[in-house]
Amino acid sequence: GAAGEAPTAPRGGEEAEAPLRNPRPGREGAKAGPRGRFTESGIVYSRDLDLKKPLYQRTAAYGHFGRDSFPWEVPKKLKY
């Protein structure tokens, strides 16, 4: 309705939906996560994934795709 008018009941006996207090429900905990375990800090990712290992230093230039010197790039035979 127009400004100042009382809201009208929906047609057909349907219940009116309550307006959302937060337009994106669930987002308030996205950064904190359960008990504050998640963060957007790159330092935490680096620490948790142990990215300072010398193994990853060789991937800093030109990436790792197609370079067989990395153990995760060597194809393995699958057994069926």
PDB file of N, CA and C in Angstrom:
ATOM      1  N   GLY A   1       0.805  -1.172   0.000  1.00  0.00           N
ATOM      2  CA  GLY A   1       0.000   0.000   0.000  1.00  0.00           C
ATOM      3  C   GLY A   1       0.854   1.243   0.000  1.00  0.00           C
ATOM      4  N   ALA A   2       0.156   2.327  -0.012  1.00  0.00           N
ATOM      5  CA  ALA A   2       0.823   3.621  -0.010  1.00  0.00           C
ATOM      6  C   ALA A   2       1.354   3.925   1.385  1.00  0.00           C
ATOM      7  N   ALA A   3       2.193   4.923   1.460  1.00  0.00           N
ATOM      8  CA  ALA A   3       2.782   5.297   2.741  1.00  0.00           C
ATOM      9  C   ALA A   3       1.690   5.729   3.701  1.00  0.00           C
ATOM     10  N   GLY A   4       1.737   5.262   4.924  1.00  0.00           N
ATOM     11  CA  GLY A   4       0.763   5.632   5.923  1.00  0.00           C
ATOM     12  C   GLY A   4      -0.424   4.698   5.990  1.00  0.00           C
ATOM     13  N   GLU A   5      -0.599   3.826   5.009  1.00  0.00           N
ATOM     14  CA  GLU A   5      -1.715   2.884   5.024  1.00  0.00           C
ATOM     15  C   GLU A   5      -1.325   1.643   5.807  1.00  0.00           C
ATOM     16  N   ALA A   6      -2.315   1.008   6.403  1.00  0.00           N
ATOM     17  CA  ALA A   6      -2.075  -0.247   7.116  1.00  0.00           C
ATOM     18  C   ALA A   6      -1.859  -1.356   6.097  1.00  0.00           C
ATOM     19  N   PRO A   7      -0.973  -2.312   6.382  1.00  0.00           N
ATOM     20  CA  PRO A   7      -0.764  -3.409   5.436  1.00  0.00           C
ATOM     21  C   PRO A   7      -2.031  -4.238   5.297  1.00  0.00           C
ATOM     22  N   THR A   8      -2.289  -4.716   4.094  1.00  0.00           N
ATOM     23  CA  THR A   8      -3.489  -5.510   3.838  1.00  0.00           C
ATOM     24  C   THR A   8      -3.159  -6.982   3.951  1.00  0.00           C
ATOM     25  N   ALA A   9      -4.165  -7.770   4.283  1.00  0.00           N
ATOM     26  CA  ALA A   9      -3.987  -9.222   4.379  1.00  0.00           C
ATOM     27  C   ALA A   9      -3.847  -9.798   2.982  1.00  0.00           C
ATOM     28  N   PRO A  10      -3.057 -10.841   2.814  1.00  0.00           N
ATOM     29  CA  PRO A  10      -2.920 -11.458   1.501  1.00  0.00           C
ATOM     30  C   PRO A  10      -4.227 -12.104   1.069  1.00  0.00           C
ATOM     31  N   ARG A  11      -4.390 -12.238  -0.223  1.00  0.00           N
ATOM     32  CA  ARG A  11      -5.603 -12.837  -0.782  1.00  0.00           C
ATOM     33  C   ARG A  11      -5.561 -14.346  -0.656  1.00  0.00           C
ATOM     34  N   GLY A  12      -6.731 -14.964  -0.680  1.00  0.00           N
ATOM     35  CA  GLY A  12      -6.814 -16.420  -0.731  1.00  0.00           C
ATOM     36  C   GLY A  12      -6.514 -17.094   0.588  1.00  0.00           C
ATOM     37  N   GLY A  13      -6.543 -16.395   1.705  1.00  0.00           N
ATOM     38  CA  GLY A  13      -6.328 -17.012   2.999  1.00  0.00           C
ATOM     39  C   GLY A  13      -4.876 -17.361   3.296  1.00  0.00           C
ATOM     40  N   GLU A  14      -3.930 -16.891   2.477  1.00  0.00           N
ATOM     41  CA  GLU A  14      -2.513 -17.182   2.711  1.00  0.00           C
ATOM     42  C   GLU A  14      -2.005 -16.342   3.873  1.00  0.00           C
ATOM     43  N   GLU A  15      -1.029 -16.873   4.568  1.00  0.00           N
ATOM     44  CA  GLU A  15      -0.406 -16.097   5.638  1.00  0.00           C
ATOM     45  C   GLU A  15       0.633 -15.169   5.037  1.00  0.00           C
ATOM     46  N   ALA A  16       0.739 -13.988   5.610  1.00  0.00           N
ATOM     47  CA  ALA A  16       1.747 -13.039   5.138  1.00  0.00           C
ATOM     48  C   ALA A  16       3.113 -13.475   5.643  1.00  0.00           C
ATOM     49  N   GLU A  17       4.118 -13.327   4.797  1.00  0.00           N
ATOM     50  CA  GLU A  17       5.484 -13.649   5.211  1.00  0.00           C
ATOM     51  C   GLU A  17       6.015 -12.527   6.082  1.00  0.00           C
ATOM     52  N   ALA A  18       6.688 -12.892   7.137  1.00  0.00           N
ATOM     53  CA  ALA A  18       7.306 -11.886   7.994  1.00  0.00           C
ATOM     54  C   ALA A  18       8.501 -11.295   7.257  1.00  0.00           C
ATOM     55  N   PRO A  19       8.673  -9.979   7.322  1.00  0.00           N
ATOM     56  CA  PRO A  19       9.830  -9.384   6.641  1.00  0.00           C
ATOM     57  C   PRO A  19      11.123  -9.849   7.300  1.00  0.00           C
ATOM     58  N   LEU A  20      12.130 -10.040   6.490  1.00  0.00           N
ATOM     59  CA  LEU A  20      13.425 -10.469   7.012  1.00  0.00           C
ATOM     60  C   LEU A  20      14.097  -9.304   7.717  1.00  0.00           C
ATOM     61  N   ARG A  21      14.586  -9.563   8.914  1.00  0.00           N
ATOM     62  CA  ARG A  21      15.334  -8.522   9.617  1.00  0.00           C
ATOM     63  C   ARG A  21      16.700  -8.353   8.978  1.00  0.00           C
ATOM     64  N   ASN A  22      17.295  -9.442   8.583  1.00  0.00           N
ATOM     65  CA  ASN A  22      18.592  -9.416   7.919  1.00  0.00           C
ATOM     66  C   ASN A  22      18.352  -9.893   6.491  1.00  0.00           C
ATOM     67  N   PRO A  23      18.586  -9.058   5.481  1.00  0.00           N
ATOM     68  CA  PRO A  23      18.304  -9.482   4.109  1.00  0.00           C
ATOM     69  C   PRO A  23      19.148 -10.669   3.651  1.00  0.00           C
ATOM     70  N   ARG A  24      20.231 -10.960   4.329  1.00  0.00           N
ATOM     71  CA  ARG A  24      21.077 -12.106   3.983  1.00  0.00           C
ATOM     72  C   ARG A  24      21.259 -12.957   5.233  1.00  0.00           C
ATOM     73  N   PRO A  25      20.232 -13.730   5.605  1.00  0.00           N
ATOM     74  CA  PRO A  25      20.326 -14.494   6.849  1.00  0.00           C
ATOM     75  C   PRO A  25      21.484 -15.476   6.826  1.00  0.00           C
ATOM     76  N   GLY A  26      22.099 -15.631   7.959  1.00  0.00           N
ATOM     77  CA  GLY A  26      23.222 -16.555   8.064  1.00  0.00           C
ATOM     78  C   GLY A  26      24.565 -15.910   7.793  1.00  0.00           C
ATOM     79  N   ARG A  27      24.576 -14.733   7.212  1.00  0.00           N
ATOM     80  CA  ARG A  27      25.842 -14.079   6.872  1.00  0.00           C
ATOM     81  C   ARG A  27      26.545 -13.515   8.100  1.00  0.00           C
ATOM     82  N   GLU A  28      25.802 -13.245   9.164  1.00  0.00           N
ATOM     83  CA  GLU A  28      26.448 -12.649  10.334  1.00  0.00           C
ATOM     84  C   GLU A  28      27.486 -13.578  10.932  1.00  0.00           C
ATOM     85  N   GLY A  29      27.348 -14.880  10.737  1.00  0.00           N
ATOM     86  CA  GLY A  29      28.312 -15.823  11.282  1.00  0.00           C
ATOM     87  C   GLY A  29      29.310 -16.323  10.259  1.00  0.00           C
ATOM     88  N   ALA A  30      29.243 -15.829   9.034  1.00  0.00           N
ATOM     89  CA  ALA A  30      30.114 -16.354   7.986  1.00  0.00           C
ATOM     90  C   ALA A  30      31.584 -16.064   8.262  1.00  0.00           C
ATOM     91  N   LYS A  31      31.874 -14.900   8.770  1.00  0.00           N
ATOM     92  CA  LYS A  31      33.276 -14.557   9.033  1.00  0.00           C
ATOM     93  C   LYS A  31      33.767 -15.203  10.320  1.00  0.00           C
ATOM     94  N   ALA A  32      32.934 -15.181  11.334  1.00  0.00           N
ATOM     95  CA  ALA A  32      33.350 -15.737  12.615  1.00  0.00           C
ATOM     96  C   ALA A  32      33.276 -17.252  12.596  1.00  0.00           C
ATOM     97  N   GLY A  33      32.263 -17.781  11.919  1.00  0.00           N
ATOM     98  CA  GLY A  33      32.102 -19.226  11.847  1.00  0.00           C
ATOM     99  C   GLY A  33      31.785 -19.804  13.206  1.00  0.00           C
ATOM    100  N   PRO A  34      31.703 -21.106  13.280  1.00  0.00           N
ATOM    101  CA  PRO A  34      31.435 -21.723  14.570  1.00  0.00           C
ATOM    102  C   PRO A  34      32.592 -21.467  15.528  1.00  0.00           C
ATOM    103  N   ARG A  35      32.283 -20.805  16.591  1.00  0.00           N
ATOM    104  CA  ARG A  35      33.268 -20.483  17.633  1.00  0.00           C
ATOM    105  C   ARG A  35      34.467 -19.694  17.093  1.00  0.00           C
ATOM    106  N   GLY A  36      34.271 -18.905  16.045  1.00  0.00           N
ATOM    107  CA  GLY A  36      35.323 -18.030  15.546  1.00  0.00           C
ATOM    108  C   GLY A  36      36.485 -18.733  14.875  1.00  0.00           C
ATOM    109  N   ARG A  37      36.256 -19.884  14.266  1.00  0.00           N
ATOM    110  CA  ARG A  37      37.362 -20.642  13.675  1.00  0.00           C
ATOM    111  C   ARG A  37      37.812 -20.112  12.323  1.00  0.00           C
ATOM    112  N   PHE A  38      36.977 -19.368  11.607  1.00  0.00           N
ATOM    113  CA  PHE A  38      37.313 -18.952  10.258  1.00  0.00           C
ATOM    114  C   PHE A  38      37.732 -17.493  10.236  1.00  0.00           C
ATOM    115  N   THR A  39      38.605 -17.172   9.325  1.00  0.00           N
ATOM    116  CA  THR A  39      39.065 -15.800   9.183  1.00  0.00           C
ATOM    117  C   THR A  39      39.435 -15.577   7.730  1.00  0.00           C
ATOM    118  N   GLU A  40      39.522 -14.325   7.341  1.00  0.00           N
ATOM    119  CA  GLU A  40      39.894 -14.000   5.970  1.00  0.00           C
ATOM    120  C   GLU A  40      41.372 -13.628   5.865  1.00  0.00           C
ATOM    121  N   SER A  41      42.102 -13.772   6.923  1.00  0.00           N
ATOM    122  CA  SER A  41      43.494 -13.367   6.946  1.00  0.00           C
ATOM    123  C   SER A  41      44.365 -14.338   6.154  1.00  0.00           C
ATOM    124  N   GLY A  42      45.163 -13.824   5.249  1.00  0.00           N
ATOM    125  CA  GLY A  42      46.074 -14.658   4.478  1.00  0.00           C
ATOM    126  C   GLY A  42      47.152 -15.290   5.336  1.00  0.00           C
ATOM    127  N   ILE A  43      47.487 -14.646   6.429  1.00  0.00           N
ATOM    128  CA  ILE A  43      48.503 -15.189   7.335  1.00  0.00           C
ATOM    129  C   ILE A  43      48.037 -16.518   7.910  1.00  0.00           C
ATOM    130  N   VAL A  44      46.770 -16.591   8.259  1.00  0.00           N
ATOM    131  CA  VAL A  44      46.229 -17.821   8.835  1.00  0.00           C
ATOM    132  C   VAL A  44      46.225 -18.933   7.790  1.00  0.00           C
ATOM    133  N   TYR A  45      45.828 -18.614   6.551  1.00  0.00           N
ATOM    134  CA  TYR A  45      45.849 -19.626   5.492  1.00  0.00           C
ATOM    135  C   TYR A  45      47.267 -20.133   5.277  1.00  0.00           C
ATOM    136  N   SER A  46      48.213 -19.220   5.224  1.00  0.00           N
ATOM    137  CA  SER A  46      49.605 -19.598   5.022  1.00  0.00           C
ATOM    138  C   SER A  46      50.095 -20.508   6.134  1.00  0.00           C
ATOM    139  N   ARG A  47      49.743 -20.177   7.363  1.00  0.00           N
ATOM    140  CA  ARG A  47      50.161 -20.989   8.503  1.00  0.00           C
ATOM    141  C   ARG A  47      49.478 -22.352   8.489  1.00  0.00           C
ATOM    142  N   ASP A  48      48.158 -22.367   8.317  1.00  0.00           N
ATOM    143  CA  ASP A  48      47.408 -23.620   8.397  1.00  0.00           C
ATOM    144  C   ASP A  48      47.738 -24.580   7.258  1.00  0.00           C
ATOM    145  N   LEU A  49      48.016 -24.052   6.078  1.00  0.00           N
ATOM    146  CA  LEU A  49      48.349 -24.904   4.932  1.00  0.00           C
ATOM    147  C   LEU A  49      49.848 -25.121   4.790  1.00  0.00           C
ATOM    148  N   ASP A  50      50.619 -24.536   5.685  1.00  0.00           N
ATOM    149  CA  ASP A  50      52.077 -24.674   5.700  1.00  0.00           C
ATOM    150  C   ASP A  50      52.682 -24.282   4.348  1.00  0.00           C
ATOM    151  N   LEU A  51      52.269 -23.112   3.844  1.00  0.00           N
ATOM    152  CA  LEU A  51      52.689 -22.668   2.516  1.00  0.00           C
ATOM    153  C   LEU A  51      54.126 -22.176   2.455  1.00  0.00           C
ATOM    154  N   LYS A  52      54.788 -22.054   3.573  1.00  0.00           N
ATOM    155  CA  LYS A  52      56.187 -21.612   3.580  1.00  0.00           C
ATOM    156  C   LYS A  52      57.158 -22.766   3.351  1.00  0.00           C
ATOM    157  N   LYS A  53      56.638 -23.969   3.185  1.00  0.00           N
ATOM    158  CA  LYS A  53      57.514 -25.121   2.937  1.00  0.00           C
ATOM    159  C   LYS A  53      58.286 -24.906   1.637  1.00  0.00           C
ATOM    160  N   PRO A  54      59.537 -25.323   1.579  1.00  0.00           N
ATOM    161  CA  PRO A  54      60.321 -25.180   0.352  1.00  0.00           C
ATOM    162  C   PRO A  54      59.692 -25.908  -0.841  1.00  0.00           C
ATOM    163  N   LEU A  55      58.885 -26.921  -0.583  1.00  0.00           N
ATOM    164  CA  LEU A  55      58.232 -27.666  -1.659  1.00  0.00           C
ATOM    165  C   LEU A  55      57.398 -26.747  -2.543  1.00  0.00           C
ATOM    166  N   TYR A  56      56.722 -25.762  -1.957  1.00  0.00           N
ATOM    167  CA  TYR A  56      55.846 -24.873  -2.710  1.00  0.00           C
ATOM    168  C   TYR A  56      56.587 -23.704  -3.346  1.00  0.00           C
ATOM    169  N   GLN A  57      57.808 -23.427  -2.923  1.00  0.00           N
ATOM    170  CA  GLN A  57      58.548 -22.281  -3.441  1.00  0.00           C
ATOM    171  C   GLN A  57      58.773 -22.399  -4.951  1.00  0.00           C
ATOM    172  N   ARG A  58      58.975 -23.602  -5.439  1.00  0.00           N
ATOM    173  CA  ARG A  58      59.206 -23.793  -6.878  1.00  0.00           C
ATOM    174  C   ARG A  58      57.952 -23.527  -7.706  1.00  0.00           C
ATOM    175  N   THR A  59      56.781 -23.498  -7.070  1.00  0.00           N
ATOM    176  CA  THR A  59      55.547 -23.228  -7.810  1.00  0.00           C
ATOM    177  C   THR A  59      55.246 -21.737  -7.893  1.00  0.00           C
ATOM    178  N   ALA A  60      56.037 -20.905  -7.217  1.00  0.00           N
ATOM    179  CA  ALA A  60      55.774 -19.471  -7.188  1.00  0.00           C
ATOM    180  C   ALA A  60      55.898 -18.848  -8.576  1.00  0.00           C
ATOM    181  N   ALA A  61      56.771 -19.356  -9.405  1.00  0.00           N
ATOM    182  CA  ALA A  61      56.918 -18.857 -10.772  1.00  0.00           C
ATOM    183  C   ALA A  61      56.438 -19.933 -11.744  1.00  0.00           C
ATOM    184  N   TYR A  62      55.521 -19.583 -12.601  1.00  0.00           N
ATOM    185  CA  TYR A  62      54.988 -20.447 -13.662  1.00  0.00           C
ATOM    186  C   TYR A  62      54.069 -21.553 -13.147  1.00  0.00           C
ATOM    187  N   GLY A  63      53.732 -21.582 -11.875  1.00  0.00           N
ATOM    188  CA  GLY A  63      52.784 -22.564 -11.355  1.00  0.00           C
ATOM    189  C   GLY A  63      53.333 -23.974 -11.347  1.00  0.00           C
ATOM    190  N   HIS A  64      52.430 -24.954 -11.303  1.00  0.00           N
ATOM    191  CA  HIS A  64      52.861 -26.351 -11.224  1.00  0.00           C
ATOM    192  C   HIS A  64      52.278 -27.205 -12.334  1.00  0.00           C
ATOM    193  N   PHE A  65      51.378 -26.690 -13.143  1.00  0.00           N
ATOM    194  CA  PHE A  65      50.718 -27.510 -14.152  1.00  0.00           C
ATOM    195  C   PHE A  65      51.704 -28.008 -15.198  1.00  0.00           C
ATOM    196  N   GLY A  66      51.681 -29.314 -15.417  1.00  0.00           N
ATOM    197  CA  GLY A  66      52.515 -29.923 -16.439  1.00  0.00           C
ATOM    198  C   GLY A  66      53.967 -30.104 -16.054  1.00  0.00           C
ATOM    199  N   ARG A  67      54.322 -29.847 -14.836  1.00  0.00           N
ATOM    200  CA  ARG A  67      55.705 -30.012 -14.387  1.00  0.00           C
ATOM    201  C   ARG A  67      55.778 -31.287 -13.559  1.00  0.00           C
ATOM    202  N   ASP A  68      56.380 -32.312 -14.106  1.00  0.00           N
ATOM    203  CA  ASP A  68      56.405 -33.632 -13.473  1.00  0.00           C
ATOM    204  C   ASP A  68      57.313 -33.717 -12.253  1.00  0.00           C
ATOM    205  N   SER A  69      58.030 -32.667 -11.926  1.00  0.00           N
ATOM    206  CA  SER A  69      58.926 -32.726 -10.771  1.00  0.00           C
ATOM    207  C   SER A  69      58.168 -32.644  -9.443  1.00  0.00           C
ATOM    208  N   PHE A  70      56.880 -32.369  -9.497  1.00  0.00           N
ATOM    209  CA  PHE A  70      56.085 -32.308  -8.274  1.00  0.00           C
ATOM    210  C   PHE A  70      55.350 -33.623  -8.091  1.00  0.00           C
ATOM    211  N   PRO A  71      55.355 -34.167  -6.875  1.00  0.00           N
ATOM    212  CA  PRO A  71      54.752 -35.486  -6.656  1.00  0.00           C
ATOM    213  C   PRO A  71      53.268 -35.537  -6.988  1.00  0.00           C
ATOM    214  N   TRP A  72      52.558 -34.440  -6.890  1.00  0.00           N
ATOM    215  CA  TRP A  72      51.122 -34.458  -7.169  1.00  0.00           C
ATOM    216  C   TRP A  72      50.826 -34.365  -8.663  1.00  0.00           C
ATOM    217  N   GLU A  73      51.833 -34.150  -9.503  1.00  0.00           N
ATOM    218  CA  GLU A  73      51.645 -34.067 -10.947  1.00  0.00           C
ATOM    219  C   GLU A  73      51.978 -35.366 -11.670  1.00  0.00           C
ATOM    220  N   VAL A  74      52.555 -36.332 -10.988  1.00  0.00           N
ATOM    221  CA  VAL A  74      52.932 -37.599 -11.621  1.00  0.00           C
ATOM    222  C   VAL A  74      51.679 -38.467 -11.760  1.00  0.00           C
ATOM    223  N   PRO A  75      51.344 -38.883 -12.996  1.00  0.00           N
ATOM    224  CA  PRO A  75      50.156 -39.729 -13.182  1.00  0.00           C
ATOM    225  C   PRO A  75      50.345 -41.095 -12.533  1.00  0.00           C
ATOM    226  N   LYS A  76      49.279 -41.637 -12.010  1.00  0.00           N
ATOM    227  CA  LYS A  76      49.326 -42.949 -11.376  1.00  0.00           C
ATOM    228  C   LYS A  76      48.427 -43.900 -12.149  1.00  0.00           C
ATOM    229  N   LYS A  77      48.834 -45.148 -12.233  1.00  0.00           N
ATOM    230  CA  LYS A  77      47.996 -46.179 -12.843  1.00  0.00           C
ATOM    231  C   LYS A  77      46.894 -46.533 -11.860  1.00  0.00           C
ATOM    232  N   LEU A  78      45.685 -46.597 -12.343  1.00  0.00           N
ATOM    233  CA  LEU A  78      44.563 -46.980 -11.498  1.00  0.00           C
ATOM    234  C   LEU A  78      44.266 -48.454 -11.682  1.00  0.00           C
ATOM    235  N   LYS A  79      43.952 -49.123 -10.600  1.00  0.00           N
ATOM    236  CA  LYS A  79      43.594 -50.540 -10.659  1.00  0.00           C
ATOM    237  C   LYS A  79      42.084 -50.648 -10.597  1.00  0.00           C
ATOM    238  N   TYR A  80      41.522 -51.491 -11.469  1.00  0.00           N
ATOM    239  CA  TYR A  80      40.072 -51.678 -11.488  1.00  0.00           C
ATOM    240  C   TYR A  80      39.717 -53.031 -10.966  1.00  0.00           C
TER     241      TYR A  80
END
